[in-house]
Amino acid sequence: MLKVETDREAGYLELTVDGRIDKADYERAIEAIDTLLETHKKIDIMEIVLDVGFIAPEVWWKDIVFHLNHHNFLRRVAVVSDNGWVGPLTRLFAPLYPGAIRTFTVGEIFEARRWAKDGDPEPQEAVEPHLDFA
């Protein structure tokens, strides 16, 4: 199952992978991405990987074709999972994607969502204390 949720105003997509992914699941996700790209040059994504089941071969092929036709559309991607192999695999392929990618555990889901939507907080400028002895 691939659950797809969007925030059109923010240009944000949240995907939850929990088992088998079929062609219809994948097409819903691609339709959501294309809809967001109608109003946003780049989008932010959070992918929550709970369990990965069988992925239909046509989904793999469609995904390759999709990425060949969509360049530089990612701003931030948060990948959330407690599956031990997801983090290292994500970090291995991260340099191939045009956008910032970070991994989080399921316990960090709120931090992951905040980062995907807002990025890193702006550092606060140090303010010199004003001492007036007059």
N, C-alpha and C. Protein backbone atom coordinates (compact mmCIF):
# COMPACT_ATOMS: atom_id res chain seq x y z
N MET A 1 0.84 -1.17 0.00
CA MET A 1 0.00 0.00 0.00
C MET A 1 0.89 1.24 0.00
N LEU A 2 0.50 2.22 -0.77
CA LEU A 2 1.18 3.50 -0.82
C LEU A 2 0.13 4.57 -0.57
N LYS A 3 0.19 5.17 0.61
CA LYS A 3 -0.75 6.22 0.98
C LYS A 3 -0.15 7.56 0.56
N VAL A 4 -0.97 8.40 -0.07
CA VAL A 4 -0.52 9.67 -0.61
C VAL A 4 -1.33 10.80 0.01
N GLU A 5 -0.63 11.77 0.61
CA GLU A 5 -1.28 12.97 1.17
C GLU A 5 -0.52 14.19 0.67
N THR A 6 -1.25 15.25 0.35
CA THR A 6 -0.59 16.45 -0.14
C THR A 6 -1.08 17.70 0.59
N ASP A 7 -0.22 18.69 0.59
CA ASP A 7 -0.56 20.04 1.02
C ASP A 7 -0.22 20.91 -0.18
N ARG A 8 -1.24 21.19 -1.00
CA ARG A 8 -1.02 21.91 -2.26
C ARG A 8 -0.44 23.29 -2.03
N GLU A 9 -0.92 23.98 -1.02
CA GLU A 9 -0.44 25.33 -0.76
C GLU A 9 1.05 25.34 -0.43
N ALA A 10 1.48 24.37 0.36
CA ALA A 10 2.88 24.31 0.79
C ALA A 10 3.79 23.62 -0.23
N GLY A 11 3.21 22.91 -1.20
CA GLY A 11 4.04 22.15 -2.14
C GLY A 11 4.69 20.96 -1.45
N TYR A 12 3.89 20.27 -0.64
CA TYR A 12 4.38 19.19 0.22
C TYR A 12 3.62 17.90 -0.06
N LEU A 13 4.36 16.80 -0.14
CA LEU A 13 3.79 15.48 -0.39
C LEU A 13 4.27 14.54 0.70
N GLU A 14 3.35 13.76 1.25
CA GLU A 14 3.71 12.75 2.24
C GLU A 14 3.28 11.39 1.73
N LEU A 15 4.24 10.49 1.65
CA LEU A 15 3.99 9.13 1.18
C LEU A 15 4.24 8.15 2.32
N THR A 16 3.35 7.19 2.49
CA THR A 16 3.55 6.13 3.47
C THR A 16 3.56 4.80 2.75
N VAL A 17 4.69 4.10 2.83
CA VAL A 17 4.84 2.78 2.21
C VAL A 17 4.63 1.74 3.29
N ASP A 18 3.65 0.88 3.07
CA ASP A 18 3.36 -0.17 4.05
C ASP A 18 2.90 -1.42 3.31
N GLY A 19 3.87 -2.11 2.72
CA GLY A 19 3.56 -3.35 2.00
C GLY A 19 3.68 -3.20 0.50
N ARG A 20 2.90 -3.97 -0.19
CA ARG A 20 2.92 -4.06 -1.65
C ARG A 20 2.60 -2.71 -2.30
N ILE A 21 3.31 -2.40 -3.41
CA ILE A 21 3.02 -1.20 -4.19
C ILE A 21 2.66 -1.66 -5.60
N ASP A 22 1.44 -1.33 -6.01
CA ASP A 22 1.04 -1.71 -7.37
C ASP A 22 0.99 -0.48 -8.27
N LYS A 23 0.67 -0.71 -9.51
CA LYS A 23 0.66 0.35 -10.52
C LYS A 23 -0.29 1.49 -10.14
N ALA A 24 -1.47 1.18 -9.63
CA ALA A 24 -2.44 2.20 -9.25
C ALA A 24 -1.91 3.08 -8.11
N ASP A 25 -1.25 2.46 -7.12
CA ASP A 25 -0.64 3.21 -6.02
C ASP A 25 0.38 4.19 -6.57
N TYR A 26 1.26 3.69 -7.41
CA TYR A 26 2.33 4.52 -7.97
C TYR A 26 1.76 5.66 -8.81
N GLU A 27 0.76 5.37 -9.62
CA GLU A 27 0.17 6.41 -10.46
C GLU A 27 -0.48 7.52 -9.63
N ARG A 28 -1.08 7.17 -8.47
CA ARG A 28 -1.63 8.19 -7.57
C ARG A 28 -0.52 9.10 -7.06
N ALA A 29 0.60 8.52 -6.73
CA ALA A 29 1.73 9.32 -6.23
C ALA A 29 2.25 10.25 -7.33
N ILE A 30 2.40 9.75 -8.54
CA ILE A 30 2.90 10.57 -9.65
C ILE A 30 1.91 11.68 -9.99
N GLU A 31 0.63 11.37 -9.95
CA GLU A 31 -0.40 12.39 -10.20
C GLU A 31 -0.31 13.50 -9.14
N ALA A 32 -0.09 13.12 -7.90
CA ALA A 32 0.04 14.11 -6.82
C ALA A 32 1.28 14.99 -7.04
N ILE A 33 2.39 14.39 -7.45
CA ILE A 33 3.61 15.16 -7.73
C ILE A 33 3.36 16.13 -8.87
N ASP A 34 2.79 15.63 -9.96
CA ASP A 34 2.54 16.49 -11.12
C ASP A 34 1.58 17.64 -10.77
N THR A 35 0.59 17.38 -9.93
CA THR A 35 -0.34 18.43 -9.50
C THR A 35 0.41 19.50 -8.70
N LEU A 36 1.28 19.08 -7.80
CA LEU A 36 2.06 20.05 -7.02
C LEU A 36 2.99 20.86 -7.91
N LEU A 37 3.54 20.22 -8.93
CA LEU A 37 4.48 20.92 -9.82
C LEU A 37 3.78 21.92 -10.74
N GLU A 38 2.46 21.87 -10.81
CA GLU A 38 1.72 22.88 -11.58
C GLU A 38 1.85 24.26 -10.93
N THR A 39 2.02 24.29 -9.60
CA THR A 39 2.07 25.58 -8.89
C THR A 39 3.37 25.80 -8.11
N HIS A 40 4.24 24.81 -8.09
CA HIS A 40 5.51 24.92 -7.35
C HIS A 40 6.64 24.43 -8.24
N LYS A 41 7.73 25.20 -8.28
CA LYS A 41 8.89 24.80 -9.08
C LYS A 41 9.57 23.59 -8.45
N LYS A 42 9.64 23.57 -7.12
CA LYS A 42 10.22 22.45 -6.38
C LYS A 42 9.26 22.07 -5.26
N ILE A 43 9.30 20.79 -4.90
CA ILE A 43 8.40 20.32 -3.84
C ILE A 43 9.21 19.64 -2.74
N ASP A 44 8.56 19.50 -1.60
CA ASP A 44 9.14 18.82 -0.44
C ASP A 44 8.36 17.53 -0.21
N ILE A 45 9.09 16.48 0.15
CA ILE A 45 8.47 15.17 0.31
C ILE A 45 8.93 14.54 1.62
N MET A 46 7.99 13.89 2.30
CA MET A 46 8.34 13.00 3.40
C MET A 46 7.85 11.62 3.02
N GLU A 47 8.75 10.65 3.06
CA GLU A 47 8.39 9.27 2.77
C GLU A 47 8.59 8.45 4.03
N ILE A 48 7.50 7.84 4.48
CA ILE A 48 7.54 7.00 5.67
C ILE A 48 7.53 5.56 5.19
N VAL A 49 8.59 4.83 5.48
CA VAL A 49 8.72 3.44 5.02
C VAL A 49 8.52 2.54 6.23
N LEU A 50 7.30 1.98 6.33
CA LEU A 50 6.99 1.06 7.43
C LEU A 50 7.36 -0.36 7.05
N ASP A 51 6.93 -0.78 5.86
CA ASP A 51 7.20 -2.13 5.37
C ASP A 51 7.19 -2.08 3.85
N VAL A 52 8.17 -2.72 3.24
CA VAL A 52 8.23 -2.77 1.78
C VAL A 52 7.88 -4.18 1.35
N GLY A 53 6.83 -4.28 0.57
CA GLY A 53 6.43 -5.57 0.04
C GLY A 53 6.79 -5.65 -1.44
N PHE A 54 6.10 -6.51 -2.14
CA PHE A 54 6.33 -6.69 -3.58
C PHE A 54 6.03 -5.39 -4.31
N ILE A 55 6.92 -5.03 -5.21
CA ILE A 55 6.71 -3.86 -6.06
C ILE A 55 6.63 -4.36 -7.49
N ALA A 56 5.50 -4.10 -8.13
CA ALA A 56 5.26 -4.60 -9.48
C ALA A 56 6.36 -4.13 -10.43
N PRO A 57 6.83 -4.99 -11.34
CA PRO A 57 7.90 -4.61 -12.27
C PRO A 57 7.58 -3.35 -13.09
N GLU A 58 6.32 -3.17 -13.48
CA GLU A 58 5.99 -1.97 -14.27
C GLU A 58 6.16 -0.69 -13.44
N VAL A 59 6.08 -0.82 -12.12
CA VAL A 59 6.30 0.34 -11.25
C VAL A 59 7.77 0.74 -11.31
N TRP A 60 8.67 -0.23 -11.28
CA TRP A 60 10.10 0.09 -11.38
C TRP A 60 10.38 0.81 -12.70
N TRP A 61 9.84 0.28 -13.78
CA TRP A 61 10.06 0.88 -15.10
C TRP A 61 9.47 2.30 -15.15
N LYS A 62 8.25 2.47 -14.68
CA LYS A 62 7.62 3.79 -14.69
C LYS A 62 8.42 4.78 -13.84
N ASP A 63 9.01 4.31 -12.75
CA ASP A 63 9.79 5.18 -11.89
C ASP A 63 11.06 5.65 -12.60
N ILE A 64 11.71 4.77 -13.32
CA ILE A 64 12.90 5.15 -14.09
C ILE A 64 12.53 6.20 -15.13
N VAL A 65 11.45 5.97 -15.86
CA VAL A 65 11.00 6.91 -16.89
C VAL A 65 10.62 8.25 -16.25
N PHE A 66 9.93 8.20 -15.12
CA PHE A 66 9.54 9.43 -14.42
C PHE A 66 10.77 10.28 -14.09
N HIS A 67 11.78 9.66 -13.51
CA HIS A 67 12.96 10.42 -13.10
C HIS A 67 13.78 10.91 -14.29
N LEU A 68 13.69 10.24 -15.41
CA LEU A 68 14.36 10.74 -16.61
C LEU A 68 13.66 11.99 -17.16
N ASN A 69 12.35 12.09 -16.92
CA ASN A 69 11.56 13.22 -17.44
C ASN A 69 11.36 14.35 -16.44
N HIS A 70 11.66 14.13 -15.20
CA HIS A 70 11.49 15.15 -14.16
C HIS A 70 12.86 15.43 -13.55
N HIS A 71 13.38 16.60 -13.82
CA HIS A 71 14.69 16.97 -13.31
C HIS A 71 14.56 18.10 -12.30
N ASN A 72 15.33 18.00 -11.25
CA ASN A 72 15.48 19.11 -10.31
C ASN A 72 14.16 19.60 -9.72
N PHE A 73 13.28 18.69 -9.35
CA PHE A 73 11.98 19.09 -8.81
C PHE A 73 11.90 18.94 -7.29
N LEU A 74 12.95 18.41 -6.68
CA LEU A 74 12.94 18.18 -5.24
C LEU A 74 13.71 19.28 -4.52
N ARG A 75 13.12 19.78 -3.43
CA ARG A 75 13.83 20.72 -2.58
C ARG A 75 14.36 19.97 -1.36
N ARG A 76 13.46 19.30 -0.63
CA ARG A 76 13.85 18.52 0.54
C ARG A 76 13.06 17.20 0.55
N VAL A 77 13.76 16.13 0.96
CA VAL A 77 13.12 14.82 1.11
C VAL A 77 13.54 14.25 2.46
N ALA A 78 12.55 13.98 3.30
CA ALA A 78 12.79 13.31 4.58
C ALA A 78 12.34 11.86 4.43
N VAL A 79 13.23 10.93 4.70
CA VAL A 79 12.91 9.51 4.63
C VAL A 79 12.87 9.00 6.06
N VAL A 80 11.72 8.47 6.45
CA VAL A 80 11.48 8.04 7.82
C VAL A 80 11.29 6.53 7.85
N SER A 81 12.11 5.84 8.65
CA SER A 81 11.95 4.39 8.75
C SER A 81 12.75 3.85 9.92
N ASP A 82 12.27 2.76 10.47
CA ASP A 82 13.02 2.01 11.47
C ASP A 82 13.63 0.75 10.87
N ASN A 83 13.42 0.53 9.57
CA ASN A 83 14.04 -0.60 8.88
C ASN A 83 15.52 -0.28 8.70
N GLY A 84 16.38 -1.13 9.24
CA GLY A 84 17.81 -0.86 9.27
C GLY A 84 18.48 -0.60 7.93
N TRP A 85 17.96 -1.12 6.86
CA TRP A 85 18.58 -0.96 5.55
C TRP A 85 18.16 0.32 4.83
N VAL A 86 17.07 0.96 5.25
CA VAL A 86 16.54 2.13 4.53
C VAL A 86 17.48 3.33 4.64
N GLY A 87 17.97 3.63 5.84
CA GLY A 87 18.85 4.78 6.03
C GLY A 87 20.12 4.68 5.20
N PRO A 88 20.89 3.58 5.33
CA PRO A 88 22.12 3.47 4.54
C PRO A 88 21.88 3.50 3.03
N LEU A 89 20.82 2.85 2.57
CA LEU A 89 20.52 2.86 1.14
C LEU A 89 20.13 4.26 0.66
N THR A 90 19.37 4.97 1.48
CA THR A 90 18.99 6.35 1.15
C THR A 90 20.23 7.23 1.06
N ARG A 91 21.11 7.12 2.03
CA ARG A 91 22.32 7.94 2.02
C ARG A 91 23.24 7.58 0.85
N LEU A 92 23.25 6.32 0.45
CA LEU A 92 24.05 5.89 -0.70
C LEU A 92 23.59 6.58 -1.98
N PHE A 93 22.27 6.64 -2.20
CA PHE A 93 21.73 7.21 -3.43
C PHE A 93 21.44 8.71 -3.35
N ALA A 94 21.52 9.30 -2.18
CA ALA A 94 21.19 10.72 -2.01
C ALA A 94 21.96 11.64 -2.95
N PRO A 95 23.25 11.42 -3.21
CA PRO A 95 23.97 12.33 -4.12
C PRO A 95 23.43 12.34 -5.55
N LEU A 96 22.66 11.34 -5.92
CA LEU A 96 22.11 11.28 -7.27
C LEU A 96 20.85 12.13 -7.44
N TYR A 97 20.30 12.61 -6.33
CA TYR A 97 19.05 13.37 -6.38
C TYR A 97 19.32 14.86 -6.19
N PRO A 98 18.61 15.67 -6.97
CA PRO A 98 18.78 17.13 -6.84
C PRO A 98 17.92 17.68 -5.71
N GLY A 99 18.43 17.66 -4.53
CA GLY A 99 17.69 18.16 -3.38
C GLY A 99 18.33 17.62 -2.12
N ALA A 100 17.99 18.22 -1.00
CA ALA A 100 18.52 17.77 0.28
C ALA A 100 17.73 16.56 0.75
N ILE A 101 18.42 15.52 1.18
CA ILE A 101 17.77 14.31 1.66
C ILE A 101 18.33 13.98 3.03
N ARG A 102 17.42 13.72 3.98
CA ARG A 102 17.81 13.32 5.33
C ARG A 102 17.00 12.11 5.74
N THR A 103 17.59 11.31 6.62
CA THR A 103 16.88 10.14 7.15
C THR A 103 16.54 10.38 8.62
N PHE A 104 15.43 9.81 9.02
CA PHE A 104 14.93 9.94 10.40
C PHE A 104 14.35 8.59 10.82
N THR A 105 14.25 8.37 12.13
CA THR A 105 13.56 7.20 12.64
C THR A 105 12.07 7.53 12.77
N VAL A 106 11.26 6.51 12.96
CA VAL A 106 9.82 6.74 13.14
C VAL A 106 9.58 7.59 14.38
N GLY A 107 10.39 7.44 15.40
CA GLY A 107 10.27 8.26 16.61
C GLY A 107 10.55 9.74 16.36
N GLU A 108 11.19 10.06 15.23
CA GLU A 108 11.51 11.44 14.87
C GLU A 108 10.58 11.99 13.79
N ILE A 109 9.41 11.39 13.64
CA ILE A 109 8.51 11.74 12.54
C ILE A 109 8.11 13.22 12.56
N PHE A 110 7.88 13.79 13.73
CA PHE A 110 7.49 15.20 13.78
C PHE A 110 8.64 16.11 13.36
N GLU A 111 9.86 15.77 13.77
CA GLU A 111 11.04 16.53 13.34
C GLU A 111 11.23 16.39 11.83
N ALA A 112 11.02 15.18 11.31
CA ALA A 112 11.17 14.94 9.88
C ALA A 112 10.17 15.78 9.08
N ARG A 113 8.93 15.80 9.53
CA ARG A 113 7.90 16.58 8.84
C ARG A 113 8.22 18.08 8.89
N ARG A 114 8.66 18.56 10.03
CA ARG A 114 9.02 19.96 10.16
C ARG A 114 10.18 20.30 9.23
N TRP A 115 11.21 19.45 9.21
CA TRP A 115 12.36 19.71 8.35
C TRP A 115 11.96 19.67 6.87
N ALA A 116 11.16 18.69 6.50
CA ALA A 116 10.74 18.58 5.09
C ALA A 116 9.97 19.82 4.66
N LYS A 117 9.11 20.32 5.52
CA LYS A 117 8.30 21.49 5.16
C LYS A 117 9.06 22.81 5.29
N ASP A 118 9.91 22.94 6.31
CA ASP A 118 10.50 24.24 6.63
C ASP A 118 12.02 24.31 6.51
N GLY A 119 12.70 23.19 6.39
CA GLY A 119 14.16 23.21 6.34
C GLY A 119 14.75 23.44 7.71
N ASP A 120 16.04 23.77 7.72
CA ASP A 120 16.72 24.05 8.98
C ASP A 120 16.31 25.42 9.49
N PRO A 121 16.18 25.56 10.80
CA PRO A 121 15.86 26.88 11.34
C PRO A 121 16.99 27.85 11.04
N GLU A 122 16.61 29.08 10.81
CA GLU A 122 17.61 30.12 10.56
C GLU A 122 18.38 30.36 11.84
N PRO A 123 19.72 30.44 11.75
CA PRO A 123 20.48 30.72 12.98
C PRO A 123 20.17 32.13 13.47
N GLN A 124 20.04 32.24 14.76
CA GLN A 124 19.75 33.54 15.36
C GLN A 124 21.06 34.33 15.44
N GLU A 125 20.99 35.59 15.04
CA GLU A 125 22.17 36.44 15.14
C GLU A 125 22.45 36.73 16.60
N ALA A 126 23.72 36.71 16.93
CA ALA A 126 24.11 37.05 18.29
C ALA A 126 23.90 38.55 18.47
N VAL A 127 23.27 38.91 19.54
CA VAL A 127 23.01 40.31 19.84
C VAL A 127 23.96 40.75 20.93
N GLU A 128 24.72 41.78 20.61
CA GLU A 128 25.65 42.31 21.61
C GLU A 128 24.83 42.99 22.72
N PRO A 129 25.13 42.67 23.94
CA PRO A 129 24.40 43.36 25.02
C PRO A 129 24.77 44.84 25.02
N HIS A 130 23.81 45.64 25.24
CA HIS A 130 24.02 47.08 25.27
C HIS A 130 24.16 47.50 26.73
N LEU A 131 25.32 47.97 27.03
CA LEU A 131 25.57 48.43 28.40
C LEU A 131 25.65 49.95 28.37
N ASP A 132 24.84 50.58 29.15
CA ASP A 132 24.82 52.04 29.19
C ASP A 132 25.12 52.45 30.62
N PHE A 133 26.32 53.03 30.82
CA PHE A 133 26.72 53.43 32.15
C PHE A 133 26.53 54.93 32.40
N ALA A 134 25.85 55.59 31.57
CA ALA A 134 25.68 57.04 31.74
C ALA A 134 24.61 57.37 32.71
